[in-house]
């Protein structure tokens, strides 16, 4: 297992982060704990969850899996989305952030979160309101570092400048959607991250299974796929004929180079410039075991060029920013 520095923190994390969005819904508790323990045993030390995943069940299950292993794992969680009945149980206000952090700590059964992330920006709330609350959580010892996810580059820069102005803790990471089908972060976010030493931890590196060979042209979706289980949702919107066609080309490339499509998709994302660790959310133990060998692989120049031929740098075939209202470009 290889490890990389997490931005400017000095902390070393595995080049694979386990995402837990499936835990408590598609993946039952016992299976989820087995997945995490297998990842830990293989050398993975980075886990990402959120208070909004499956009404808090993901955090509860993750907390159970961490018992006896907590000090060896870099634990990330998030706050933003509505989690209760109160109108103020959402967003980037001080009131919500402080309340949500305490609730996450209880669910995770821990006294600190290594990386606490703003799950989305709150454009109606001044950034100093959000950062002031996050700064206080770090000073109180409840949080070690702070980051953001699915923010435009300009808002990340605004946050960095605001933290510097007030001598507050600053974002150390950004978690964007990034895969071969949607490469738009390469235009502005990646150069920003390189300039200011931000860790980039992409979500959906397999393009929600489209690059993993999950969907075939002119065939029905597999019954257990997101496309079949979640029709009419944001997830279904990301499965398009254009994406499936590119996914088919990618699957043929993977077969040609002796890898599974899932392995090549994860490897491509991990070995792009500026990436610290892609977030992979296995639904089953078999899915985890398939990708673990990627940690000892390296993307060749020929493989990189062949992937660029499917979708060139900075370009987009499928919109994975469809949960980001600030992204005006549609595909």
Foldseek 3Di string as FASTA:
>chain_A
DDWDDAFPPRDTFAQAEAEQLLDPPLADLVQSLVLVVVCVVLPGQHYEYECPRNLNRSLLSQLVSCVVPVVRHQAEYEFADARDDDPPCGHQALVNVVVVLVVSCVSSVHQAHAEYEHAAHDVVDPLCRRQVSVQVCCVVVRYVAYAYELYDQVVLVVQQVVCVVVVGGHHQEYEYADFLQAQQCLVHVLVSCVVRRHAYAYEPLCLQCLQQPQDAPPDDGDCSGCCNVPPPDPSVQQDDNQSNVLSVLNQVVCVVVVAGSVQLSLQLVSQDRRHRHYHDHDSGSVVSVRNSVSSVDHQDPVNNVSSCVSPNHNGHRGDPSVVHVVDPDHD
